Protein backbone atom coordinates (compact mmCIF):
# COMPACT_ATOMS: atom_id res chain seq x y z
CA MET A 1 8.12 -20.31 -35.65
CA LYS A 2 10.18 -17.63 -33.87
CA ASN A 3 11.40 -18.32 -30.35
CA SER A 4 8.92 -17.26 -27.68
CA VAL A 5 9.35 -14.44 -25.18
CA LEU A 6 8.78 -14.99 -21.46
CA LEU A 7 6.84 -12.04 -20.03
CA TRP A 8 7.19 -12.19 -16.26
CA PHE A 9 4.33 -10.42 -14.45
CA ARG A 10 5.02 -9.36 -10.85
CA ILE A 11 3.49 -6.19 -9.34
CA ASP A 12 2.44 -4.86 -12.75
CA LEU A 13 -0.82 -6.75 -13.11
CA ARG A 14 -2.25 -4.84 -16.07
CA LEU A 15 -2.12 -4.73 -19.85
CA SER A 16 -2.54 -0.95 -19.96
CA ASP A 17 0.60 1.25 -19.94
CA ASN A 18 2.84 -1.74 -19.34
CA PRO A 19 6.35 -1.17 -20.81
CA ALA A 20 7.45 -4.81 -20.45
CA LEU A 21 4.39 -5.97 -22.38
CA GLU A 22 4.87 -3.28 -25.03
CA ASN A 23 8.48 -4.29 -25.59
CA ALA A 24 7.53 -7.96 -25.78
CA ILE A 25 4.84 -7.17 -28.39
CA ASN A 26 7.29 -5.07 -30.43
CA LEU A 27 9.49 -8.13 -30.89
CA ASN A 28 6.65 -9.63 -32.96
CA ARG A 29 7.13 -13.04 -31.44
CA PRO A 30 4.95 -15.42 -29.41
CA ILE A 31 4.59 -14.27 -25.80
CA ILE A 32 4.29 -16.55 -22.78
CA PRO A 33 2.92 -14.53 -19.83
CA ILE A 34 3.90 -16.06 -16.48
CA TYR A 35 3.36 -15.36 -12.79
CA ILE A 36 5.63 -16.98 -10.20
CA HIS A 37 4.51 -17.13 -6.58
CA ASP A 38 8.04 -17.07 -5.21
CA ASP A 39 7.41 -17.62 -1.52
CA GLU A 40 10.52 -19.68 -0.77
CA ASP A 41 13.17 -16.96 -0.61
CA ALA A 42 14.25 -16.70 3.03
CA LEU A 43 14.98 -12.99 2.57
CA GLN A 44 11.58 -12.25 1.08
CA ARG A 45 8.88 -10.66 3.20
CA LYS A 46 5.87 -12.88 2.67
CA LEU A 47 2.57 -11.25 1.77
CA GLY A 48 -0.02 -10.72 4.47
CA GLY A 49 -3.43 -12.36 4.36
CA ALA A 50 -5.31 -9.35 3.00
CA SER A 51 -2.74 -8.78 0.25
CA LYS A 52 -2.97 -12.41 -0.78
CA TRP A 53 -6.72 -12.04 -1.23
CA TRP A 54 -6.19 -9.04 -3.50
CA LEU A 55 -3.42 -10.77 -5.43
CA PHE A 56 -5.64 -13.79 -6.11
CA HIS A 57 -8.41 -11.70 -7.64
CA SER A 58 -6.00 -9.42 -9.47
CA LEU A 59 -4.37 -12.42 -11.14
CA LYS A 60 -7.78 -13.84 -11.98
CA THR A 61 -8.80 -10.57 -13.63
CA LEU A 62 -5.53 -10.29 -15.58
CA SER A 63 -5.93 -13.86 -16.77
CA LEU A 64 -9.39 -13.09 -18.16
CA GLU A 65 -8.03 -10.02 -19.97
CA LEU A 66 -5.26 -12.08 -21.55
CA LYS A 67 -7.79 -14.69 -22.68
CA GLY A 68 -9.55 -11.91 -24.57
CA PHE A 69 -6.43 -11.69 -26.74
CA GLY A 70 -6.20 -15.43 -27.25
CA SER A 71 -3.41 -15.61 -24.69
CA ARG A 72 -3.27 -16.93 -21.11
CA LEU A 73 -1.49 -16.42 -17.82
CA LEU A 74 0.59 -19.34 -16.58
CA TYR A 75 1.02 -19.88 -12.83
CA PHE A 76 4.04 -21.29 -11.04
CA ASN A 77 5.03 -21.79 -7.42
CA GLY A 78 8.62 -21.91 -6.18
CA LYS A 79 11.95 -20.18 -6.50
CA ALA A 80 11.90 -17.89 -9.53
CA GLU A 81 15.48 -18.78 -10.55
CA LYS A 82 14.56 -22.45 -10.99
CA ILE A 83 11.11 -21.87 -12.49
CA ILE A 84 12.41 -19.55 -15.22
CA GLN A 85 15.09 -22.07 -16.19
CA GLN A 86 12.46 -24.80 -16.44
CA ILE A 87 10.17 -22.71 -18.64
CA ILE A 88 13.02 -21.62 -20.92
CA LYS A 89 14.00 -25.23 -21.42
CA GLU A 90 10.44 -26.40 -22.08
CA ALA A 91 9.35 -23.49 -24.26
CA LYS A 92 12.75 -22.94 -25.95
CA SER A 93 12.56 -19.23 -25.13
CA ASP A 94 15.56 -17.00 -25.71
CA THR A 95 14.20 -13.77 -24.20
CA VAL A 96 12.88 -12.85 -20.75
CA ILE A 97 11.24 -9.49 -19.99
CA TRP A 98 9.93 -8.01 -16.75
CA ASN A 99 9.16 -4.75 -14.97
CA ARG A 100 11.40 -3.87 -12.06
CA ARG A 101 10.76 -4.24 -8.33
CA TYR A 102 12.57 -2.30 -5.61
CA GLU A 103 12.42 -4.43 -2.47
CA PRO A 104 15.97 -5.46 -1.45
CA TRP A 105 15.31 -9.19 -1.71
CA ALA A 106 13.75 -8.73 -5.19
CA VAL A 107 16.66 -6.61 -6.40
CA LYS A 108 19.12 -9.26 -5.22
CA ARG A 109 17.11 -12.09 -6.79
CA ASP A 110 16.57 -10.26 -10.09
CA THR A 111 20.28 -9.45 -10.35
CA ILE A 112 21.15 -13.13 -9.90
CA ILE A 113 18.59 -14.17 -12.52
CA LYS A 114 19.71 -11.51 -15.00
CA ASN A 115 23.38 -12.48 -14.68
CA GLN A 116 22.53 -16.16 -14.97
CA LEU A 117 20.48 -15.63 -18.13
CA ASN A 118 23.07 -13.34 -19.72
CA ASN A 119 25.74 -15.98 -19.17
CA GLN A 120 23.49 -18.45 -21.01
CA GLY A 121 23.08 -16.10 -23.96
CA ILE A 122 19.45 -15.36 -23.06
CA ASN A 123 18.26 -11.83 -23.78
CA VAL A 124 17.00 -10.04 -20.65
CA SER A 125 15.27 -6.67 -20.41
CA SER A 126 13.67 -4.91 -17.46
CA PHE A 127 11.65 -1.69 -17.29
CA ASN A 128 10.16 0.83 -14.90
CA SER A 129 6.39 0.48 -14.77
CA ASN A 130 5.64 1.24 -11.15
CA LEU A 131 7.16 4.68 -10.50
CA LEU A 132 7.31 8.07 -12.17
CA PHE A 133 11.10 8.01 -11.86
CA GLU A 134 13.62 5.44 -10.78
CA PRO A 135 14.85 5.97 -7.18
CA TRP A 136 18.38 6.69 -8.37
CA GLU A 137 17.16 9.41 -10.74
CA ILE A 138 16.09 11.81 -7.98
CA LYS A 139 19.04 12.99 -5.88
CA SER A 140 20.14 16.18 -4.18
CA LYS A 141 22.70 18.51 -5.77
CA THR A 142 25.37 16.77 -3.71
CA GLY A 143 24.32 13.41 -5.12
CA ASN A 144 22.84 12.13 -1.86
CA PRO A 145 19.36 10.67 -1.39
CA PHE A 146 16.70 13.00 -0.03
CA LYS A 147 15.48 12.52 3.54
CA VAL A 148 13.01 15.40 3.49
CA PHE A 149 9.90 15.32 1.32
CA THR A 150 9.58 18.91 0.07
CA PRO A 151 13.07 19.14 -1.50
CA TYR A 152 12.48 15.70 -3.00
CA LYS A 153 9.15 16.80 -4.45
CA ASN A 154 10.68 19.94 -5.93
CA ALA A 155 13.53 17.95 -7.48
CA LEU A 156 11.05 15.51 -9.01
CA LEU A 157 8.84 18.26 -10.40
CA SER A 158 11.87 19.99 -11.91
CA LYS A 159 12.46 16.98 -14.14
CA ASP A 160 10.59 17.33 -17.40
CA ARG A 161 9.69 13.95 -18.73
CA SER A 162 6.78 14.35 -21.08
CA SER A 163 5.87 10.81 -22.03
CA LYS A 164 2.74 9.39 -23.53
CA ILE A 165 0.82 6.60 -21.90
CA ILE A 166 1.46 3.31 -23.66
CA GLU A 167 -1.64 2.32 -25.58
CA ASP A 168 -3.49 -0.88 -24.78
CA PRO A 169 -2.27 -3.84 -26.83
CA LYS A 170 -4.02 -4.62 -30.10
CA ASN A 171 -2.86 -8.21 -30.24
CA ILE A 172 -0.71 -10.65 -28.26
CA LEU A 173 0.83 -13.49 -30.23
CA ALA A 174 0.41 -16.90 -28.60
CA PRO A 175 2.77 -19.88 -28.90
CA LYS A 176 1.66 -23.04 -30.65
CA LEU A 177 2.38 -25.07 -27.54
CA TRP A 178 1.99 -23.82 -23.98
CA PRO A 179 4.25 -25.00 -21.13
CA ALA A 180 2.59 -26.90 -18.29
CA SER A 181 1.13 -24.64 -15.63
CA LEU A 182 -0.52 -24.76 -12.22
CA ASN A 183 -4.03 -23.48 -11.62
CA LEU A 184 -4.52 -20.21 -9.75
CA ASN A 185 -5.99 -22.11 -6.78
CA ASP A 186 -2.75 -24.08 -6.50
CA LEU A 187 -0.99 -20.93 -5.30
CA LYS A 188 -3.10 -21.16 -2.11
CA LEU A 189 -3.64 -17.43 -1.74
CA LEU A 190 -7.06 -17.63 -0.11
CA ASP A 191 -6.30 -19.66 2.99
CA GLN A 192 -5.63 -16.69 5.29
CA LYS A 193 -8.13 -15.79 8.03
CA ASN A 194 -11.16 -16.51 5.82
CA TRP A 195 -11.35 -12.87 4.77
CA SER A 196 -12.49 -13.60 1.23
CA THR A 197 -16.24 -13.58 1.89
CA LYS A 198 -16.31 -10.06 3.33
CA PHE A 199 -13.82 -8.60 0.86
CA ASP A 200 -15.74 -9.97 -2.11
CA LYS A 201 -18.58 -7.55 -1.37
CA MET A 202 -16.37 -4.48 -0.99
CA TRP A 203 -13.53 -4.61 -3.48
CA LYS A 204 -13.04 -5.38 -7.14
CA PRO A 205 -9.40 -5.74 -8.17
CA GLY A 206 -8.20 -5.14 -11.72
CA ASN A 207 -7.17 -2.48 -14.22
CA LYS A 208 -10.67 -1.68 -15.46
CA GLU A 209 -11.89 -1.06 -11.92
CA ALA A 210 -8.85 1.13 -11.22
CA LYS A 211 -9.56 3.28 -14.27
CA LEU A 212 -13.24 3.50 -13.34
CA LYS A 213 -12.33 4.60 -9.80
CA LEU A 214 -9.98 7.26 -11.14
CA ASP A 215 -12.66 8.55 -13.49
CA ILE A 216 -15.32 8.70 -10.75
CA PHE A 217 -12.88 10.35 -8.36
CA ILE A 218 -11.95 13.07 -10.84
CA LYS A 219 -15.53 13.79 -11.84
CA ASN A 220 -17.13 13.68 -8.39
CA ARG A 221 -14.58 14.22 -5.64
CA ILE A 222 -11.30 15.73 -6.71
CA SER A 223 -12.46 19.36 -6.51
CA ASN A 224 -12.96 18.96 -2.75
CA TYR A 225 -10.04 16.61 -2.18
CA ASP A 226 -7.94 19.19 -0.37
CA THR A 227 -10.43 19.29 2.52
CA ASP A 228 -12.48 16.10 2.21
CA ARG A 229 -9.45 13.78 2.22
CA ASP A 230 -9.08 14.29 5.97
CA MET A 231 -12.71 13.49 6.80
CA PRO A 232 -13.09 9.71 7.23
CA GLY A 233 -16.88 9.97 7.36
CA LEU A 234 -16.91 11.22 3.74
CA GLU A 235 -16.07 9.49 0.48
CA GLY A 236 -13.28 11.98 -0.11
CA THR A 237 -10.37 9.84 -1.30
CA SER A 238 -9.71 7.85 -4.47
CA LYS A 239 -9.12 4.43 -2.84
CA LEU A 240 -6.66 3.69 -5.63
CA SER A 241 -3.96 2.53 -3.21
CA PRO A 242 -4.46 -1.25 -3.59
CA HIS A 243 -4.61 -0.87 -7.38
CA LEU A 244 -1.30 1.01 -7.29
CA ARG A 245 0.17 -1.52 -4.88
CA PHE A 246 -0.30 -4.38 -7.34
CA GLY A 247 0.40 -2.34 -10.45
CA GLU A 248 -3.14 -2.46 -11.82
CA ILE A 249 -2.72 1.17 -12.80
CA SER A 250 0.48 3.16 -13.23
CA PRO A 251 1.25 6.38 -11.37
CA ARG A 252 2.13 7.90 -14.71
CA GLU A 253 -1.35 7.24 -16.03
CA ILE A 254 -2.85 8.82 -12.91
CA ILE A 255 -0.69 11.94 -13.18
CA ASN A 256 -1.33 12.29 -16.92
CA THR A 257 -5.07 11.98 -16.36
CA ILE A 258 -4.92 14.61 -13.61
CA ASN A 259 -2.91 16.98 -15.83
CA PHE A 260 -5.35 16.48 -18.70
CA ASN A 261 -8.21 17.61 -16.44
CA ALA A 262 -6.26 20.42 -14.76
CA SER A 263 -8.31 23.24 -16.26
CA LYS A 264 -11.64 21.85 -15.05
CA TYR A 265 -11.12 21.42 -11.33
CA ASN A 266 -9.84 23.07 -8.15
CA VAL A 267 -6.12 23.64 -8.71
CA LYS A 268 -5.24 23.32 -5.01
CA SER A 269 -6.99 19.96 -4.74
CA LEU A 270 -5.30 18.71 -7.91
CA GLU A 271 -1.89 19.69 -6.58
CA THR A 272 -2.64 18.08 -3.21
CA PHE A 273 -3.57 14.82 -4.89
CA LYS A 274 -0.45 14.90 -7.06
CA SER A 275 1.59 15.43 -3.89
CA GLU A 276 0.16 12.19 -2.52
CA ILE A 277 1.37 10.34 -5.61
CA ILE A 278 4.79 11.98 -5.19
CA TRP A 279 4.81 10.97 -1.50
CA ARG A 280 4.49 7.40 -2.71
CA GLU A 281 7.53 7.99 -4.92
CA PHE A 282 9.39 9.40 -1.91
CA ALA A 283 8.57 6.27 0.09
CA HIS A 284 10.02 4.06 -2.65
CA ASN A 285 13.06 6.30 -2.75
CA LEU A 286 13.51 5.62 0.98
CA LEU A 287 13.04 1.88 0.46
CA TRP A 288 15.77 1.90 -2.17
CA TYR A 289 18.32 3.68 0.02
CA PHE A 290 17.21 2.17 3.34
CA PRO A 291 16.39 -1.43 2.38
CA GLU A 292 15.63 -2.55 5.94
CA ILE A 293 13.11 0.22 6.46
CA HIS A 294 10.45 -2.10 7.89
CA LYS A 295 12.81 -3.23 10.66
CA LYS A 296 15.42 -0.55 11.32
CA THR A 297 14.92 3.12 12.06
CA ILE A 298 16.24 5.66 9.57
CA LYS A 299 17.24 7.90 12.49
CA ARG A 300 19.69 5.56 14.20
CA LYS A 301 19.43 7.24 17.61
CA PHE A 302 15.95 5.72 17.95
CA GLU A 303 17.44 2.24 18.07
CA ASN A 304 17.99 2.80 21.79
CA PHE A 305 14.45 3.99 22.50
CA LYS A 306 12.94 2.26 25.54
CA TRP A 307 9.60 0.86 24.38
CA ASN A 308 7.02 -0.64 26.73
CA TYR A 309 6.36 -4.18 25.55
CA ASN A 310 2.80 -4.98 26.65
CA ASN A 311 1.00 -7.74 24.74
CA LYS A 312 -2.35 -6.98 26.34
CA ASN A 313 -2.29 -3.36 25.21
CA PHE A 314 -1.28 -4.39 21.70
CA ASP A 315 -4.20 -6.83 21.50
CA LEU A 316 -6.65 -4.17 22.69
CA TRP A 317 -5.30 -1.78 20.06
CA ALA A 318 -5.49 -4.38 17.28
CA LYS A 319 -9.06 -5.33 18.20
CA GLY A 320 -10.26 -1.73 18.47
CA LEU A 321 -10.86 -1.82 22.23
CA THR A 322 -8.75 1.10 23.47
CA GLY A 323 -11.72 3.16 24.68
CA TYR A 324 -10.90 6.00 22.27
CA PRO A 325 -13.63 5.87 19.58
CA ILE A 326 -11.68 7.32 16.63
CA VAL A 327 -8.84 4.85 17.28
CA ASP A 328 -11.17 1.90 17.72
CA ALA A 329 -13.22 2.79 14.64
CA GLY A 330 -10.04 2.81 12.57
CA MET A 331 -8.86 -0.55 13.81
CA ARG A 332 -12.28 -2.10 13.23
CA GLU A 333 -12.47 -0.58 9.75
CA LEU A 334 -9.11 -2.20 9.02
CA TRP A 335 -10.20 -5.64 10.21
CA SER A 336 -13.59 -5.58 8.51
CA THR A 337 -12.59 -3.99 5.18
CA GLY A 338 -8.84 -4.49 4.76
CA TRP A 339 -8.39 -0.73 4.39
CA MET A 340 -8.17 2.30 6.65
CA HIS A 341 -8.62 5.99 5.97
CA ASN A 342 -5.23 7.72 5.82
CA ARG A 343 -5.99 10.32 8.50
CA VAL A 344 -7.04 7.51 10.83
CA ARG A 345 -3.91 5.52 9.97
CA MET A 346 -1.90 8.38 11.43
CA ILE A 347 -4.12 8.59 14.51
CA THR A 348 -4.00 4.87 15.26
CA ALA A 349 -0.25 4.69 14.63
CA SER A 350 0.39 7.65 16.91
CA PHE A 351 -1.73 6.07 19.62
CA LEU A 352 0.22 2.81 19.49
CA THR A 353 3.66 4.39 19.51
CA LYS A 354 3.09 7.41 21.75
CA HIS A 355 0.13 6.65 24.01
CA LEU A 356 1.03 3.00 24.54
CA LEU A 357 4.77 3.31 23.80
CA LEU A 358 4.69 0.10 21.80
CA PRO A 359 7.30 -0.40 19.04
CA TRP A 360 6.26 0.91 15.64
CA GLN A 361 7.48 -2.37 14.10
CA LEU A 362 4.58 -4.20 15.79
CA GLY A 363 2.04 -1.85 14.25
CA GLU A 364 3.75 -1.95 10.87
CA ALA A 365 3.63 -5.76 10.90
CA TRP A 366 -0.07 -5.73 11.83
CA PHE A 367 -0.88 -3.35 8.99
CA TRP A 368 1.26 -5.48 6.65
CA ASP A 369 -0.93 -8.49 7.38
CA THR A 370 -4.32 -6.79 7.40
CA LEU A 371 -4.14 -4.07 4.70
CA ILE A 372 -5.06 -4.92 1.12
CA ASP A 373 -2.75 -2.09 0.04
CA ALA A 374 0.15 -3.14 2.32
CA ASP A 375 3.04 -1.62 0.41
CA PRO A 376 6.66 -2.34 1.44
CA ALA A 377 7.62 1.32 0.97
CA ASN A 378 4.51 3.25 2.03
CA ASN A 379 3.65 1.15 5.06
CA ALA A 380 7.07 1.21 6.68
CA SER A 381 7.88 4.84 5.87
CA GLY A 382 4.47 5.92 7.19
CA TRP A 383 4.99 4.15 10.49
CA GLN A 384 8.48 5.59 10.88
CA TRP A 385 7.12 9.05 10.10
CA VAL A 386 4.49 8.85 12.83
CA ALA A 387 6.89 7.31 15.35
CA GLY A 388 9.35 10.14 14.72
CA CYS A 389 12.25 7.89 13.69
CA GLY A 390 11.97 8.11 9.90
CA ALA A 391 12.80 10.52 7.11
CA ASP A 392 10.98 13.85 7.27
CA ALA A 393 9.41 12.49 10.44
CA ALA A 394 6.84 14.22 12.58
CA PRO A 395 8.69 15.95 15.44
CA TYR A 396 8.92 13.91 18.62
CA PHE A 397 6.61 16.30 20.46
CA ARG A 398 3.80 15.85 17.91
CA ILE A 399 1.37 13.53 19.65
CA PHE A 400 -2.07 13.20 18.12
CA ASN A 401 -4.81 13.83 20.67
CA PRO A 402 -7.36 11.14 19.73
CA ILE A 403 -10.21 13.16 21.22
CA LEU A 404 -9.43 16.37 19.35
CA GLN A 405 -8.65 14.47 16.16
CA GLY A 406 -12.07 12.85 16.30
CA GLN A 407 -13.82 16.13 17.05
CA LYS A 408 -12.04 17.90 14.20
CA PHE A 409 -12.24 15.29 11.46
CA ASP A 410 -15.38 13.34 12.42
CA PRO A 411 -17.38 15.99 14.32
CA LYS A 412 -20.75 14.23 14.06
CA GLY A 413 -19.30 10.78 14.64
CA ILE A 414 -20.44 9.48 11.25
CA TYR A 415 -17.29 7.42 10.78
CA ILE A 416 -17.20 6.25 14.38
CA LYS A 417 -20.81 5.06 14.33
CA THR A 418 -20.20 3.19 11.08
CA PHE A 419 -17.61 0.94 12.69
CA LEU A 420 -18.65 1.17 16.36
CA PRO A 421 -22.38 0.50 16.19
CA GLU A 422 -22.44 0.13 19.99
CA LEU A 423 -22.04 3.93 20.15
CA LYS A 424 -24.59 4.79 17.46
CA MET A 425 -27.05 6.37 19.92
CA LEU A 426 -24.53 8.77 21.48
CA SER A 427 -24.78 12.46 20.60
CA PRO A 428 -21.86 14.31 18.96
CA LYS A 429 -21.15 15.88 22.36
CA PHE A 430 -20.08 12.55 23.86
CA ILE A 431 -19.27 10.39 20.82
CA HIS A 432 -15.53 11.14 21.19
CA GLU A 433 -15.51 10.87 25.00
CA PRO A 434 -18.16 8.33 26.07
CA TRP A 435 -16.69 8.17 29.58
CA LYS A 436 -17.77 11.78 30.19
CA ALA A 437 -21.45 11.02 29.66
CA ASP A 438 -23.42 10.57 32.89
CA SER A 439 -25.11 7.30 33.75
CA ALA A 440 -28.52 8.43 32.47
CA ILE A 441 -27.15 9.37 29.03
CA LEU A 442 -25.22 6.10 28.83
CA LYS A 443 -28.30 4.12 29.80
CA ASN A 444 -30.48 5.92 27.25
CA SER A 445 -27.78 5.26 24.64
CA ASP A 446 -27.78 1.55 25.52
CA ILE A 447 -24.14 1.71 26.63
CA ASN A 448 -22.71 -0.09 29.64
CA LEU A 449 -19.21 1.34 29.96
CA GLY A 450 -16.80 -1.47 30.65
CA GLU A 451 -19.08 -4.09 29.09
CA THR A 452 -20.53 -2.91 25.78
CA TYR A 453 -17.67 -0.44 25.26
CA PRO A 454 -14.43 -0.09 27.24
CA PRO A 455 -13.19 2.92 29.16
CA PRO A 456 -9.86 4.40 27.96
CA ILE A 457 -6.95 2.03 28.54
CA VAL A 458 -4.69 5.01 29.27
CA ASP A 459 -5.33 8.63 30.23
CA HIS A 460 -4.42 10.98 27.40
CA GLN A 461 -2.65 13.64 29.48
CA PHE A 462 -0.67 11.02 31.40
CA ALA A 463 0.30 9.25 28.16
CA ARG A 464 1.33 12.51 26.49
CA LYS A 465 3.61 13.58 29.34
CA ARG A 466 5.13 10.11 29.53
CA ALA A 467 5.83 10.05 25.80
CA LEU A 468 7.37 13.52 25.82
CA ARG A 469 9.64 12.49 28.69
CA LYS A 470 10.71 9.29 26.91
CA TYR A 471 11.26 10.99 23.55
CA ALA A 472 13.19 13.83 25.16
CA GLU A 473 15.72 11.30 26.43
CA ILE A 474 16.93 10.65 22.88
CA LYS A 475 16.24 14.12 21.46
């Protein structure tokens, strides 16, 4: 029997369009698929509770798919360097294959493992499965990384890489003897905040679901994506973000599918959606060149910004009790579903950093724990963009008006009433400013301001002027 190949799954939890799997299959040798819950690295940023829920069900789905090929997914818990050595020794493997990650701690760990294995005479191969291009492949003419999105996008689009999607496997050879493995439950991924019961009814992780979502999105929603994507009360987005986060579908497969359907749908909407995929690439480019992006500002002058540390205000923001309905609806959507509409992510982030003058790192950490699609690149770069301290950031004087944002993007209050049922009887005239309704209207709407719903925790005009003054100090 030929020596087995270790196939190390990480954030590529799919069999479809998986280059590491394809290369393992092409060796025509037994494959041992493994997943290591490496939570011991002191440098690693541990997954948040919502992400752990998704990971659990994604692994479960992948395991079932592998069983369909007569294979299985083995689970391990501990430091990857030690676990891989143990499996190699037990299974007598001479080859290890994986798809690359781009977080700084993962890059450092993978480099150590690769060097260690090479010194032992073990064959090691790694591939790109999670991005359209490697971060180091897209640079300016001077060879520097891009800090502005549009030039980055143009540089990416100028690269012609016509590549076919890797076909689904036809067979996966199994070893005669399997190494000992933990059970999925042993990884203890479902012990965070008891979110599992509510998420079970809303989300279905896995590659098949990701492909189904993409198909439904293209057929039913992509033609209006350019306008509907900003309306949180509509089903206007793809909701593919958590599937992309855990590698259940590749960005290449999404782009190829979009290009294949280009002649059938609104060109502007197609291009807008492709730009969103490229923005994700841009975020990973930033992560590669600014590895501490979730802690340190890209624009260094912001390191001296004088934030107002106020725990009470942060708690009110996190619980959706700021008194601004569009902000509160977003924060309650996040807590109850593990997801938040992208337009509302910008509104809530702007409110935290500019109305409350709380550090963007606090908001980024909260999103990291509560989002099922909490991505190390997208999450941090998005927060820095809103706060004005990141690459291609919103100018310091851009302060989202939560009232106008609600009126423009949720004019009838459909989204607000979904997540703030206490305001469901208010008319569109007052749904974005309940405090302006007179006592009779509030009474008829079953609202007791200050009890059933709070008044604004800060006046918008006051907060705007204060933020402009503070930001101007470091302009």
